[in-house]
N, C-alpha and C. Protein backbone atom coordinates (compact mmCIF):
# COMPACT_ATOMS: atom_id res chain seq x y z
N MET A 1 -36.65 11.76 -45.69
CA MET A 1 -35.54 12.46 -46.28
C MET A 1 -34.53 11.43 -46.79
N ARG A 2 -33.98 11.70 -47.93
CA ARG A 2 -32.98 10.80 -48.48
C ARG A 2 -31.69 10.94 -47.67
N ARG A 3 -30.97 9.88 -47.60
CA ARG A 3 -29.67 9.85 -46.94
C ARG A 3 -29.71 10.42 -45.53
N THR A 4 -30.61 9.91 -44.76
CA THR A 4 -30.77 10.36 -43.38
C THR A 4 -29.48 10.21 -42.59
N TRP A 5 -28.75 9.15 -42.82
CA TRP A 5 -27.52 8.91 -42.07
C TRP A 5 -26.52 10.04 -42.26
N LEU A 6 -26.41 10.57 -43.48
CA LEU A 6 -25.47 11.65 -43.74
C LEU A 6 -25.90 12.93 -43.02
N CYS A 7 -27.17 13.24 -43.04
CA CYS A 7 -27.66 14.42 -42.32
C CYS A 7 -27.41 14.27 -40.83
N PHE A 8 -27.63 13.07 -40.31
CA PHE A 8 -27.42 12.84 -38.88
C PHE A 8 -25.95 13.04 -38.52
N ILE A 9 -25.04 12.55 -39.35
CA ILE A 9 -23.61 12.72 -39.11
C ILE A 9 -23.23 14.20 -39.19
N ILE A 10 -23.75 14.89 -40.19
CA ILE A 10 -23.46 16.33 -40.32
C ILE A 10 -23.97 17.07 -39.08
N TYR A 11 -25.17 16.73 -38.63
CA TYR A 11 -25.74 17.35 -37.44
C TYR A 11 -24.83 17.13 -36.24
N GLU A 12 -24.35 15.91 -36.07
CA GLU A 12 -23.48 15.60 -34.94
C GLU A 12 -22.15 16.35 -35.03
N ILE A 13 -21.63 16.53 -36.24
CA ILE A 13 -20.40 17.30 -36.42
C ILE A 13 -20.64 18.75 -36.02
N ILE A 14 -21.76 19.32 -36.44
CA ILE A 14 -22.09 20.70 -36.07
C ILE A 14 -22.22 20.82 -34.56
N LYS A 15 -22.90 19.84 -33.95
CA LYS A 15 -23.13 19.87 -32.51
C LYS A 15 -21.81 19.83 -31.74
N SER A 16 -20.83 19.11 -32.27
CA SER A 16 -19.56 18.98 -31.56
C SER A 16 -18.63 20.16 -31.79
N GLY A 17 -18.94 20.99 -32.73
CA GLY A 17 -18.11 22.16 -33.02
C GLY A 17 -18.84 23.04 -33.99
N THR A 18 -18.21 23.33 -35.10
CA THR A 18 -18.87 24.12 -36.12
C THR A 18 -18.44 23.64 -37.49
N ILE A 19 -19.24 23.95 -38.47
CA ILE A 19 -18.88 23.72 -39.86
C ILE A 19 -18.71 25.08 -40.51
N ASN A 20 -17.55 25.34 -41.01
CA ASN A 20 -17.29 26.54 -41.78
C ASN A 20 -17.62 26.21 -43.23
N ASP A 21 -18.50 26.97 -43.84
CA ASP A 21 -19.02 26.64 -45.17
C ASP A 21 -17.93 26.59 -46.24
N GLN A 22 -16.85 27.29 -46.06
CA GLN A 22 -15.82 27.34 -47.11
C GLN A 22 -14.83 26.18 -47.04
N VAL A 23 -14.52 25.67 -45.87
CA VAL A 23 -13.47 24.66 -45.74
C VAL A 23 -14.03 23.30 -45.38
N ASN A 24 -14.72 23.19 -44.27
CA ASN A 24 -15.13 21.89 -43.76
C ASN A 24 -16.18 21.20 -44.61
N VAL A 25 -16.99 21.93 -45.32
CA VAL A 25 -17.97 21.30 -46.19
C VAL A 25 -17.26 20.42 -47.22
N LEU A 26 -16.20 20.93 -47.79
CA LEU A 26 -15.46 20.15 -48.78
C LEU A 26 -14.75 18.97 -48.14
N ASN A 27 -14.24 19.15 -46.93
CA ASN A 27 -13.60 18.04 -46.23
C ASN A 27 -14.59 16.92 -45.93
N ILE A 28 -15.78 17.28 -45.48
CA ILE A 28 -16.81 16.28 -45.19
C ILE A 28 -17.26 15.59 -46.47
N ALA A 29 -17.41 16.36 -47.53
CA ALA A 29 -17.82 15.78 -48.81
C ALA A 29 -16.80 14.75 -49.28
N THR A 30 -15.53 15.09 -49.18
CA THR A 30 -14.47 14.16 -49.58
C THR A 30 -14.48 12.91 -48.71
N LEU A 31 -14.65 13.09 -47.43
CA LEU A 31 -14.66 11.97 -46.50
C LEU A 31 -15.76 10.95 -46.84
N PHE A 32 -16.94 11.45 -47.24
CA PHE A 32 -18.06 10.55 -47.52
C PHE A 32 -18.26 10.27 -49.00
N GLY A 33 -17.39 10.80 -49.83
CA GLY A 33 -17.47 10.51 -51.26
C GLY A 33 -18.66 11.13 -51.95
N VAL A 34 -19.05 12.32 -51.49
CA VAL A 34 -20.14 13.05 -52.13
C VAL A 34 -19.62 14.44 -52.50
N SER A 35 -20.44 15.21 -53.19
CA SER A 35 -20.01 16.55 -53.59
C SER A 35 -20.27 17.56 -52.47
N GLY A 36 -19.58 18.67 -52.55
CA GLY A 36 -19.83 19.76 -51.63
C GLY A 36 -21.27 20.27 -51.75
N LYS A 37 -21.79 20.22 -52.97
CA LYS A 37 -23.17 20.64 -53.21
C LYS A 37 -24.14 19.76 -52.43
N THR A 38 -23.85 18.47 -52.34
CA THR A 38 -24.70 17.55 -51.58
C THR A 38 -24.70 17.91 -50.11
N ILE A 39 -23.52 18.19 -49.55
CA ILE A 39 -23.44 18.56 -48.14
C ILE A 39 -24.18 19.87 -47.89
N ARG A 40 -23.98 20.85 -48.75
CA ARG A 40 -24.68 22.13 -48.58
C ARG A 40 -26.20 21.94 -48.67
N ARG A 41 -26.65 21.10 -49.60
CA ARG A 41 -28.09 20.84 -49.73
C ARG A 41 -28.63 20.24 -48.44
N ASP A 42 -27.90 19.28 -47.85
CA ASP A 42 -28.33 18.69 -46.59
C ASP A 42 -28.34 19.72 -45.47
N LEU A 43 -27.37 20.62 -45.45
CA LEU A 43 -27.36 21.69 -44.46
C LEU A 43 -28.60 22.58 -44.60
N TYR A 44 -28.94 22.92 -45.84
CA TYR A 44 -30.10 23.79 -46.07
C TYR A 44 -31.42 23.08 -45.72
N VAL A 45 -31.48 21.77 -45.93
CA VAL A 45 -32.66 21.01 -45.55
C VAL A 45 -32.82 21.04 -44.03
N MET A 46 -31.70 20.81 -43.31
CA MET A 46 -31.77 20.84 -41.85
C MET A 46 -32.09 22.25 -41.35
N ARG A 47 -31.60 23.26 -42.05
CA ARG A 47 -31.94 24.65 -41.71
C ARG A 47 -33.44 24.87 -41.87
N ASP A 48 -33.99 24.42 -42.97
CA ASP A 48 -35.42 24.58 -43.23
C ASP A 48 -36.27 23.81 -42.23
N MET A 49 -35.71 22.75 -41.65
CA MET A 49 -36.41 21.98 -40.62
C MET A 49 -36.25 22.62 -39.24
N ASN A 50 -35.54 23.77 -39.20
CA ASN A 50 -35.32 24.53 -37.97
C ASN A 50 -34.46 23.77 -36.96
N LEU A 51 -33.53 22.93 -37.47
CA LEU A 51 -32.63 22.19 -36.60
C LEU A 51 -31.30 22.90 -36.40
N ILE A 52 -30.86 23.64 -37.43
CA ILE A 52 -29.59 24.36 -37.38
C ILE A 52 -29.78 25.75 -37.95
N HIS A 53 -28.83 26.63 -37.71
CA HIS A 53 -28.86 27.96 -38.31
C HIS A 53 -27.43 28.44 -38.55
N TYR A 54 -27.31 29.35 -39.49
CA TYR A 54 -26.00 29.90 -39.86
C TYR A 54 -25.79 31.21 -39.13
N VAL A 55 -24.64 31.35 -38.51
CA VAL A 55 -24.31 32.53 -37.71
C VAL A 55 -23.13 33.24 -38.35
N GLY A 56 -23.22 34.54 -38.54
CA GLY A 56 -22.11 35.31 -39.06
C GLY A 56 -22.18 35.55 -40.55
N SER A 57 -21.07 36.04 -41.07
CA SER A 57 -21.02 36.39 -42.48
C SER A 57 -20.75 35.15 -43.34
N ASP A 58 -20.93 35.30 -44.64
CA ASP A 58 -20.68 34.19 -45.55
C ASP A 58 -19.22 33.73 -45.48
N LYS A 59 -18.33 34.65 -45.26
CA LYS A 59 -16.90 34.31 -45.28
C LYS A 59 -16.43 33.71 -43.95
N THR A 60 -16.88 34.24 -42.84
CA THR A 60 -16.34 33.81 -41.55
C THR A 60 -17.37 33.14 -40.65
N GLY A 61 -18.59 32.95 -41.13
CA GLY A 61 -19.64 32.37 -40.30
C GLY A 61 -19.52 30.87 -40.14
N HIS A 62 -20.48 30.30 -39.41
CA HIS A 62 -20.50 28.87 -39.17
C HIS A 62 -21.92 28.41 -38.85
N TRP A 63 -22.14 27.10 -38.92
CA TRP A 63 -23.43 26.51 -38.59
C TRP A 63 -23.47 26.15 -37.12
N GLU A 64 -24.63 26.33 -36.49
CA GLU A 64 -24.84 25.95 -35.10
C GLU A 64 -26.15 25.19 -34.96
N VAL A 65 -26.20 24.32 -33.97
CA VAL A 65 -27.41 23.57 -33.65
C VAL A 65 -28.37 24.50 -32.93
N LYS A 66 -29.66 24.45 -33.29
CA LYS A 66 -30.66 25.30 -32.64
C LYS A 66 -31.23 24.67 -31.39
N HIS A 67 -31.35 23.35 -31.39
CA HIS A 67 -31.99 22.65 -30.28
C HIS A 67 -31.01 21.64 -29.69
N GLY A 68 -31.37 21.10 -28.55
CA GLY A 68 -30.51 20.17 -27.86
C GLY A 68 -30.11 18.94 -28.67
N LYS A 69 -30.98 17.97 -28.77
CA LYS A 69 -30.62 16.71 -29.39
C LYS A 69 -31.73 16.25 -30.32
N ILE A 70 -31.34 15.69 -31.43
CA ILE A 70 -32.32 15.11 -32.35
C ILE A 70 -32.09 13.62 -32.42
N HIS A 71 -33.08 12.93 -32.92
CA HIS A 71 -32.99 11.49 -33.15
C HIS A 71 -33.09 11.26 -34.65
N MET A 72 -32.58 10.12 -35.08
CA MET A 72 -32.53 9.80 -36.50
C MET A 72 -33.92 9.90 -37.15
N HIS A 73 -34.98 9.54 -36.44
CA HIS A 73 -36.31 9.56 -37.04
C HIS A 73 -36.82 10.99 -37.29
N GLN A 74 -36.17 11.98 -36.73
CA GLN A 74 -36.58 13.37 -36.97
C GLN A 74 -36.11 13.88 -38.32
N LEU A 75 -35.12 13.22 -38.91
CA LEU A 75 -34.58 13.68 -40.18
C LEU A 75 -35.33 13.10 -41.35
């Protein structure tokens, strides 16, 4: 996967709390100098890998970790 480090950081952020798709995605994108679209794409890749899932509605939902801990080589 491209940019494994960014996915790993996003995963750790989700594990420590939650990512709200409307606000924090843009904050994380700004922090790392990438677009919100890039962060969302990485979230969807991790979702497709069955590492995270989205809980709730589009407006008030958040991302959660599905499993305990991952290692960088899993991404």
